[in-house]
N, C-alpha and C. Protein backbone atom coordinates (compact mmCIF):
# COMPACT_ATOMS: atom_id res chain seq x y z
N MET A 1 30.08 118.73 223.51
CA MET A 1 29.23 117.67 223.21
C MET A 1 28.27 118.00 222.03
N ARG A 2 28.29 117.26 220.63
CA ARG A 2 27.64 117.74 219.69
C ARG A 2 26.24 117.90 219.68
N VAL A 3 25.39 118.87 219.05
CA VAL A 3 24.12 118.88 219.53
C VAL A 3 23.63 117.75 217.78
N ALA A 4 22.51 117.08 218.57
CA ALA A 4 21.83 116.35 217.67
C ALA A 4 21.24 117.09 216.43
N LYS A 5 21.13 116.48 215.67
CA LYS A 5 20.21 117.20 213.98
C LYS A 5 18.99 116.33 213.92
N ILE A 6 18.53 117.28 213.98
CA ILE A 6 17.09 116.45 213.45
C ILE A 6 15.91 116.93 212.43
N TYR A 7 14.66 116.36 211.85
CA TYR A 7 14.31 116.23 210.83
C TYR A 7 12.67 116.23 211.37
N LEU A 8 12.11 117.61 210.97
CA LEU A 8 10.59 117.02 211.64
C LEU A 8 9.59 117.12 209.75
N GLU A 9 9.19 115.93 210.16
CA GLU A 9 7.79 115.46 208.93
C GLU A 9 7.28 116.37 209.60
N THR A 10 6.08 116.61 208.20
CA THR A 10 4.90 117.05 208.22
C THR A 10 3.98 117.01 209.59
N THR A 11 3.92 115.63 210.03
CA THR A 11 3.12 115.31 211.18
C THR A 11 3.58 116.23 212.25
N MET A 12 4.41 116.59 212.50
CA MET A 12 5.00 117.22 214.02
C MET A 12 4.46 118.67 213.55
N PHE A 13 3.81 119.19 212.77
CA PHE A 13 3.55 120.47 212.57
C PHE A 13 1.96 120.13 212.93
N ASN A 14 1.03 119.67 212.26
CA ASN A 14 0.10 119.17 212.87
C ASN A 14 -0.27 118.98 214.31
N TYR A 15 0.31 118.13 214.95
CA TYR A 15 0.66 118.31 215.98
C TYR A 15 0.94 118.71 217.25
N TYR A 16 1.51 120.14 216.46
CA TYR A 16 1.82 121.32 217.94
C TYR A 16 0.84 121.76 217.78
N PHE A 17 -0.04 122.07 216.74
CA PHE A 17 -1.58 122.65 216.86
C PHE A 17 -2.86 121.97 217.18
N ASP A 18 -2.47 120.60 217.22
CA ASP A 18 -3.80 120.22 217.41
C ASP A 18 -3.90 119.40 218.89
N THR A 19 -4.23 120.15 219.81
CA THR A 19 -4.47 120.52 221.12
C THR A 19 -5.36 119.03 221.69
N GLU A 20 -6.15 118.22 220.88
CA GLU A 20 -6.40 117.15 221.21
C GLU A 20 -6.05 115.99 221.17
N ARG A 21 -4.69 116.40 220.29
CA ARG A 21 -3.90 115.11 220.49
C ARG A 21 -2.96 114.67 221.33
N ASP A 22 -3.11 112.89 221.97
CA ASP A 22 -2.29 112.68 223.44
C ASP A 22 -1.14 113.36 223.09
N ALA A 23 0.01 113.38 222.07
CA ALA A 23 1.44 113.91 222.07
C ALA A 23 1.43 115.28 221.70
N HIS A 24 0.44 115.77 221.73
CA HIS A 24 0.72 117.66 221.66
C HIS A 24 1.12 117.84 222.45
N ALA A 25 1.27 117.61 223.68
CA ALA A 25 2.10 118.23 224.80
C ALA A 25 3.91 118.29 224.11
N ASP A 26 3.76 117.14 224.24
CA ASP A 26 5.22 116.60 224.28
C ASP A 26 6.01 116.89 222.50
N THR A 27 5.16 117.49 221.76
CA THR A 27 5.40 118.05 220.55
C THR A 27 5.98 119.81 220.77
N VAL A 28 4.91 120.03 221.64
CA VAL A 28 5.77 121.48 221.83
C VAL A 28 6.73 121.67 222.78
N LYS A 29 6.90 120.44 223.61
CA LYS A 29 7.67 120.10 224.39
C LYS A 29 9.32 120.25 223.21
N LEU A 30 9.31 119.80 222.21
CA LEU A 30 10.33 119.18 221.58
C LEU A 30 10.34 120.24 220.65
N PHE A 31 9.45 121.29 220.32
CA PHE A 31 9.92 122.93 220.17
C PHE A 31 10.87 123.42 220.98
N ASN A 32 10.22 123.44 221.87
CA ASN A 32 10.71 124.85 223.00
C ASN A 32 11.95 124.05 223.18
N GLU A 33 12.39 122.62 223.20
CA GLU A 33 14.11 122.25 223.35
C GLU A 33 14.81 122.35 222.21
N ILE A 34 14.09 122.28 221.12
CA ILE A 34 14.79 123.38 220.05
C ILE A 34 15.14 124.59 220.16
N GLN A 35 14.18 125.53 220.50
CA GLN A 35 14.26 126.88 220.38
C GLN A 35 15.74 127.18 221.30
N ALA A 36 15.61 126.30 222.63
CA ALA A 36 16.48 126.24 223.83
C ALA A 36 17.75 125.67 223.54
N GLY A 37 18.29 125.11 221.75
CA GLY A 37 19.29 124.91 221.37
C GLY A 37 19.44 123.21 221.87
N LYS A 38 18.89 122.76 222.09
CA LYS A 38 19.01 121.16 222.32
C LYS A 38 19.51 120.53 221.03
N TYR A 39 18.73 120.78 219.83
CA TYR A 39 18.66 120.31 218.96
C TYR A 39 18.94 121.55 217.51
N ASP A 40 19.67 120.63 216.48
CA ASP A 40 19.77 121.82 215.38
C ASP A 40 19.00 121.18 214.90
N ALA A 41 17.42 121.75 214.17
CA ALA A 41 16.34 121.17 213.41
C ALA A 41 16.04 121.70 212.05
N TYR A 42 15.63 120.82 211.33
CA TYR A 42 15.40 120.52 209.86
C TYR A 42 14.09 120.20 209.44
N THR A 43 13.42 120.78 208.49
CA THR A 43 12.46 120.81 207.50
C THR A 43 12.85 120.11 206.19
N SER A 44 11.68 120.31 205.56
CA SER A 44 12.07 120.36 203.56
C SER A 44 11.53 120.94 203.16
N VAL A 45 11.23 120.97 201.43
CA VAL A 45 10.78 121.43 200.76
C VAL A 45 9.80 120.56 200.31
N TYR A 46 9.89 119.73 201.31
CA TYR A 46 8.76 118.17 200.63
C TYR A 46 7.79 118.41 202.02
N VAL A 47 7.87 118.97 203.58
CA VAL A 47 7.06 119.07 204.26
C VAL A 47 6.28 120.34 203.83
N ILE A 48 7.17 121.56 203.21
CA ILE A 48 6.24 122.87 202.95
C ILE A 48 5.37 122.36 202.02
N ASP A 49 5.38 121.68 200.89
CA ASP A 49 4.74 120.86 200.22
C ASP A 49 3.78 120.45 200.52
N GLU A 50 3.57 119.74 201.22
CA GLU A 50 2.42 119.25 202.15
C GLU A 50 1.77 120.43 203.05
N LEU A 51 2.26 120.95 203.64
CA LEU A 51 1.79 122.38 204.21
C LEU A 51 1.34 122.72 204.07
N GLU A 52 1.60 123.06 202.70
CA GLU A 52 0.70 124.18 201.66
C GLU A 52 -0.53 123.61 201.19
N ASP A 53 -0.97 122.38 201.16
CA ASP A 53 -1.71 121.79 200.51
C ASP A 53 -3.10 121.53 201.85
N THR A 54 -2.68 122.10 202.95
CA THR A 54 -4.10 122.20 204.07
C THR A 54 -5.06 123.61 203.74
N ASN A 55 -5.93 123.05 203.72
CA ASN A 55 -7.05 123.58 203.38
C ASN A 55 -7.71 124.44 203.92
N ASP A 56 -7.21 124.50 205.49
CA ASP A 56 -7.21 125.65 206.44
C ASP A 56 -6.28 126.38 206.55
N THR A 57 -6.68 127.89 205.75
CA THR A 57 -5.66 128.70 205.67
C THR A 57 -4.78 129.56 206.80
N ASN A 58 -5.66 129.44 208.12
CA ASN A 58 -5.46 129.66 209.17
C ASN A 58 -4.51 129.18 209.99
N LYS A 59 -5.01 127.71 209.91
CA LYS A 59 -3.61 126.53 210.43
C LYS A 59 -2.36 126.46 209.50
N ARG A 60 -2.51 126.60 208.06
CA ARG A 60 -1.62 126.42 207.33
C ARG A 60 -0.59 127.62 207.59
N SER A 61 -1.12 128.92 207.86
CA SER A 61 0.04 130.15 208.12
C SER A 61 0.49 129.91 209.07
N ASN A 62 0.09 129.42 210.10
CA ASN A 62 0.31 128.84 211.42
C ASN A 62 1.65 128.22 211.80
N MET A 63 1.38 126.80 210.60
CA MET A 63 2.20 125.72 211.30
C MET A 63 3.65 126.44 210.07
N ILE A 64 3.37 126.93 208.65
CA ILE A 64 4.68 127.77 207.88
C ILE A 64 5.21 128.30 208.83
N ASN A 65 4.80 129.02 209.89
CA ASN A 65 5.22 130.19 210.42
C ASN A 65 6.25 129.50 211.71
N LEU A 66 5.95 128.53 212.14
CA LEU A 66 7.14 127.66 212.93
C LEU A 66 8.18 127.27 212.70
N ILE A 67 8.10 127.29 211.42
CA ILE A 67 9.55 127.24 210.25
C ILE A 67 10.53 127.98 211.08
N LYS A 68 10.06 129.41 210.59
CA LYS A 68 10.62 130.43 210.94
C LYS A 68 10.65 130.90 212.87
N GLU A 69 9.44 131.27 213.39
CA GLU A 69 9.98 131.11 214.43
C GLU A 69 11.03 130.13 215.19
N TYR A 70 11.12 129.17 214.76
CA TYR A 70 12.05 128.32 215.72
C TYR A 70 13.27 128.55 215.08
N GLY A 71 13.13 128.89 214.44
CA GLY A 71 14.70 128.70 213.65
C GLY A 71 14.93 127.25 212.42
N ILE A 72 13.76 126.92 212.02
CA ILE A 72 14.11 125.51 211.41
C ILE A 72 14.68 125.76 209.83
N THR A 73 15.78 125.12 209.75
CA THR A 73 16.79 125.06 208.28
C THR A 73 15.58 124.12 207.53
N VAL A 74 15.50 124.72 205.91
CA VAL A 74 14.56 123.87 205.06
C VAL A 74 15.48 123.39 204.15
N LEU A 75 15.97 121.87 204.07
CA LEU A 75 16.58 121.23 203.60
C LEU A 75 15.68 121.79 202.26
N THR A 76 16.71 121.97 200.64
CA THR A 76 16.36 121.36 199.56
C THR A 76 16.43 119.98 198.81
N ALA A 77 15.34 120.16 197.72
CA ALA A 77 15.48 118.66 196.98
C ALA A 77 17.31 118.65 196.13
N THR A 78 17.34 117.47 195.88
CA THR A 78 18.86 117.14 195.86
C THR A 78 18.55 115.93 194.82
N ASP A 79 19.29 115.57 193.83
CA ASP A 79 19.25 114.39 192.97
C ASP A 79 19.18 113.31 193.47
N GLU A 80 20.30 113.36 194.56
CA GLU A 80 20.77 112.22 195.37
C GLU A 80 19.21 111.80 196.69
N ALA A 81 18.89 112.88 196.95
CA ALA A 81 17.65 112.11 198.01
C ALA A 81 16.64 111.67 197.02
N GLN A 82 16.67 112.15 196.06
CA GLN A 82 15.48 111.57 194.69
C GLN A 82 16.05 110.55 194.62
N TYR A 83 17.07 109.59 194.30
CA TYR A 83 17.78 108.55 193.97
C TYR A 83 16.95 107.57 195.14
N ILE A 84 17.77 107.99 196.43
CA ILE A 84 17.64 107.22 197.53
C ILE A 84 15.73 106.91 197.69
N ALA A 85 15.21 108.01 197.35
CA ALA A 85 13.64 107.58 197.64
C ALA A 85 13.13 106.40 196.50
N ASP A 86 13.60 106.77 195.67
CA ASP A 86 13.18 105.75 194.47
C ASP A 86 13.99 104.20 194.97
N ILE A 87 14.91 104.20 195.76
CA ILE A 87 15.32 102.93 195.63
C ILE A 87 14.10 102.17 196.91
N TYR A 88 13.89 103.45 198.29
CA TYR A 88 12.63 103.00 199.28
C TYR A 88 11.58 102.37 198.52
N VAL A 89 11.13 103.12 197.16
CA VAL A 89 9.94 102.95 196.72
C VAL A 89 10.33 101.74 196.02
N LYS A 90 11.39 101.82 195.56
CA LYS A 90 11.22 100.28 194.35
C LYS A 90 11.57 99.07 194.89
N GLU A 91 12.07 98.64 195.90
CA GLU A 91 12.22 98.14 197.05
C GLU A 91 11.32 97.75 198.02
N GLY A 92 9.88 98.42 198.09
CA GLY A 92 8.80 98.31 198.72
C GLY A 92 8.58 98.66 200.37
N VAL A 93 9.54 99.35 200.37
CA VAL A 93 9.72 100.40 201.55
C VAL A 93 8.62 101.33 201.67
N ILE A 94 8.06 101.75 201.27
CA ILE A 94 7.23 102.99 201.14
C ILE A 94 6.42 102.75 199.75
N PRO A 95 5.30 102.96 199.75
CA PRO A 95 4.51 102.76 198.70
C PRO A 95 4.47 103.88 197.62
N ALA A 96 4.69 103.57 196.50
CA ALA A 96 4.84 104.57 195.56
C ALA A 96 3.86 105.67 195.08
N THR A 97 2.44 105.68 195.89
CA THR A 97 1.60 106.73 196.33
C THR A 97 1.77 107.54 196.97
N LYS A 98 2.73 107.68 197.97
CA LYS A 98 3.30 107.82 199.09
C LYS A 98 4.88 108.40 198.97
N ARG A 99 5.24 108.84 197.91
CA ARG A 99 6.69 109.07 197.24
C ARG A 99 6.87 110.23 198.62
N TYR A 100 6.04 111.54 198.95
CA TYR A 100 6.56 112.38 199.87
C TYR A 100 7.35 111.44 201.26
N ASP A 101 6.65 110.21 201.59
CA ASP A 101 7.06 109.93 202.88
C ASP A 101 8.33 108.95 202.97
N ALA A 102 8.90 108.77 201.30
CA ALA A 102 10.29 108.39 200.98
C ALA A 102 11.31 109.52 201.14
N LEU A 103 10.13 110.73 200.61
CA LEU A 103 11.53 111.78 200.17
C LEU A 103 11.98 112.34 201.63
N HIS A 104 10.89 112.10 202.93
CA HIS A 104 11.11 112.56 204.05
C HIS A 104 12.45 112.05 204.46
N ILE A 105 12.51 110.63 204.55
CA ILE A 105 13.41 109.63 204.91
C ILE A 105 14.55 110.07 203.99
N ALA A 106 14.57 110.17 202.91
CA ALA A 106 15.96 109.93 201.73
C ALA A 106 16.72 111.58 202.23
N VAL A 107 15.57 112.60 202.09
CA VAL A 107 16.61 114.15 202.65
C VAL A 107 17.14 114.38 203.55
N SER A 108 16.66 113.79 204.75
CA SER A 108 17.30 113.47 205.74
C SER A 108 18.47 112.61 206.08
N THR A 109 18.92 111.07 205.50
CA THR A 109 19.82 110.88 205.03
C THR A 109 20.42 110.84 204.38
N VAL A 110 20.31 111.66 203.65
CA VAL A 110 21.68 112.51 202.51
C VAL A 110 22.14 113.73 203.15
N SER A 111 21.35 114.31 204.02
CA SER A 111 21.50 115.42 204.86
C SER A 111 22.34 114.93 206.04
N ASP A 112 22.93 113.58 205.96
CA ASP A 112 23.52 113.23 207.46
C ASP A 112 22.93 113.32 208.87
N LEU A 113 21.53 113.89 209.04
CA LEU A 113 21.04 114.15 209.89
C LEU A 113 20.80 112.74 210.88
N ASP A 114 20.51 113.11 212.51
CA ASP A 114 20.39 111.80 213.64
C ASP A 114 18.81 111.09 213.65
N TYR A 115 17.85 112.22 213.56
CA TYR A 115 16.70 111.62 214.06
C TYR A 115 15.56 111.67 212.63
N ILE A 116 14.47 111.22 212.62
CA ILE A 116 13.49 112.14 212.04
C ILE A 116 12.28 111.84 213.29
N PHE A 117 11.57 113.28 213.32
CA PHE A 117 10.31 112.95 213.85
C PHE A 117 8.91 112.79 213.56
N SER A 118 8.22 112.14 213.56
CA SER A 118 6.72 111.57 212.89
C SER A 118 6.19 110.99 213.68
N PHE A 119 5.00 110.95 213.01
CA PHE A 119 4.04 110.37 213.57
C PHE A 119 2.92 110.10 212.82
N ASN A 120 3.28 109.87 211.63
CA ASN A 120 2.95 109.34 210.56
C ASN A 120 3.63 107.09 210.93
N PHE A 121 2.79 106.95 211.13
CA PHE A 121 2.52 105.57 211.73
C PHE A 121 2.41 104.50 210.39
N LYS A 122 1.54 104.84 209.35
CA LYS A 122 1.03 104.17 208.43
C LYS A 122 2.45 103.61 207.17
N HIS A 123 3.21 104.52 207.25
CA HIS A 123 4.44 104.57 206.50
C HIS A 123 5.74 104.75 207.18
N ILE A 124 5.96 105.62 207.70
CA ILE A 124 7.35 106.09 208.17
C ILE A 124 7.66 105.96 209.44
N ASN A 125 7.09 106.09 210.66
CA ASN A 125 7.76 105.65 211.67
C ASN A 125 7.07 103.71 212.24
N ARG A 126 7.30 103.09 211.69
CA ARG A 126 7.04 101.60 211.67
C ARG A 126 8.44 100.53 211.44
N ILE A 127 8.05 99.63 211.91
CA ILE A 127 9.51 98.54 212.31
C ILE A 127 10.04 98.31 210.88
N LYS A 128 8.84 98.00 209.66
CA LYS A 128 9.66 97.68 208.87
C LYS A 128 10.22 98.58 208.02
N THR A 129 9.75 100.03 207.78
CA THR A 129 10.76 101.30 207.38
C THR A 129 11.94 101.62 207.91
N LYS A 130 11.61 101.29 209.73
CA LYS A 130 13.15 101.51 210.06
C LYS A 130 13.82 100.63 209.87
N SER A 131 13.53 99.36 210.36
CA SER A 131 14.85 98.84 209.43
C SER A 131 15.07 98.45 207.67
N MET A 132 14.10 98.79 207.29
CA MET A 132 14.68 98.60 205.72
C MET A 132 15.00 99.52 205.05
N THR A 133 15.09 100.77 205.73
CA THR A 133 15.96 101.64 205.37
C THR A 133 17.20 101.89 206.11
N SER A 134 17.66 101.52 206.91
CA SER A 134 18.64 101.09 207.79
C SER A 134 19.43 100.12 206.76
N ILE A 135 18.88 99.31 206.55
CA ILE A 135 19.92 98.38 205.64
C ILE A 135 20.41 99.34 204.11
N ILE A 136 19.52 99.71 203.31
CA ILE A 136 19.43 100.20 202.32
C ILE A 136 20.38 101.63 202.18
N ASN A 137 20.01 102.10 203.22
CA ASN A 137 21.41 103.65 203.42
C ASN A 137 22.78 102.97 204.00
N LEU A 138 23.01 101.89 204.43
CA LEU A 138 23.88 101.09 204.79
C LEU A 138 24.82 100.87 203.36
N ARG A 139 23.73 99.75 202.70
CA ARG A 139 24.43 99.28 201.43
C ARG A 139 24.55 100.41 200.59
N GLU A 140 23.79 102.00 200.77
CA GLU A 140 24.08 103.03 199.54
C GLU A 140 25.10 103.92 200.25
N GLY A 141 25.68 103.55 201.03
CA GLY A 141 27.04 104.37 201.81
C GLY A 141 26.32 105.21 203.04
N PHE A 142 25.11 105.39 203.38
CA PHE A 142 25.10 106.43 204.64
C PHE A 142 24.19 105.72 205.66
N LYS A 143 24.69 106.61 206.98
CA LYS A 143 24.30 105.90 208.14
C LYS A 143 22.50 105.18 208.19
N PRO A 144 22.28 104.53 209.02
CA PRO A 144 21.06 104.60 209.26
C PRO A 144 20.71 106.10 210.27
N ILE A 145 19.36 106.04 210.22
CA ILE A 145 18.68 107.60 210.84
C ILE A 145 17.80 106.98 211.80
N THR A 146 17.56 107.20 212.84
CA THR A 146 16.33 106.69 213.92
C THR A 146 15.26 107.51 213.77
N ILE A 147 14.03 106.87 213.65
CA ILE A 147 13.10 107.86 213.43
C ILE A 147 12.23 107.50 214.77
N ALA A 148 11.56 108.46 215.28
CA ALA A 148 11.12 108.34 216.32
C ALA A 148 9.99 109.18 216.63
N VAL A 149 9.33 109.29 217.65
CA VAL A 149 8.34 110.37 218.32
C VAL A 149 9.04 111.49 219.31
N PRO A 150 8.58 112.46 219.48
CA PRO A 150 9.00 112.93 220.92
C PRO A 150 9.39 112.55 222.30
N ALA A 151 8.24 111.90 222.58
CA ALA A 151 8.24 111.27 223.91
C ALA A 151 9.56 110.73 223.84
N GLU A 152 10.34 110.08 223.13
CA GLU A 152 11.51 108.99 223.25
C GLU A 152 12.81 109.86 223.03
N VAL A 153 12.80 111.62 223.42
CA VAL A 153 14.15 112.01 223.59
C VAL A 153 13.62 113.66 224.29
N ILE A 154 12.36 113.87 224.47
CA ILE A 154 12.70 114.93 225.34
C ILE A 154 12.40 115.00 226.79
N GLU A 155 13.27 116.05 227.05
CA GLU A 155 13.62 115.73 229.19
C GLU A 155 12.23 115.83 230.05
N TYR A 156 12.00 114.97 230.48
CA TYR A 156 10.68 115.39 231.55
C TYR A 156 11.33 115.42 232.72
N VAL A 157 10.44 116.46 233.52
CA VAL A 157 11.06 116.69 234.78
C VAL A 157 9.96 115.90 236.32
N GLU A 158 10.75 115.75 236.69
CA GLU A 158 9.58 114.52 237.88
C GLU A 158 9.02 115.32 238.85
N ASN A 159 8.09 115.25 239.66
CA ASN A 159 7.66 115.90 240.57
C ASN A 159 8.04 115.83 241.62
N GLN A 160 8.16 116.43 242.72
CA GLN A 160 8.77 115.70 243.96
C GLN A 160 7.84 115.81 245.13
C-alpha cells in the first residue's frame, strides 16, 4: 500500500504548539502518525520563510525544529510552482496580497502530493479554493489536491 504524501502548511506548525486551539490534539496526533510512517510529510521553503517572520524567537525555533524532528522534507521553489501560483492569483482563487497561500498549493500540486493540511480558512481551506484549484490543476495537466485538516484523516481509538 502506497503511503500518502502530505504537505504541512504554515498553520500546522502553529497549531502544534498552541494548546489553546481546539485542533491542537489532532495536530499533534498527525505529527505522531508522520513519525510512525503513516505519511510522507513535506513542507516548503515558503513555510520556512513564513516561520522565520515569527516575532517570538523561541516559538520560531521550536516550529522550525519540528521539520527536522519529524523528518519532514522541504520542497524548494520552482518555476513551475511559481507559474501555477500565478494562475491561482490571476484567476481570483487567492488574492495577490496572499501569494504565499497560492505558492503552498502550487508547490504541493507540482510535487504530486496527495493532501495539504491547513487551518488557513481565509484563503486555502475553503470550498472556493478547493474547487477552483482542482479545475485549474486538471486544465494545467496536474491532479487535484485534497485540502483538509488533521481531524479528517487521523486515526481515532474508540474507548470501550
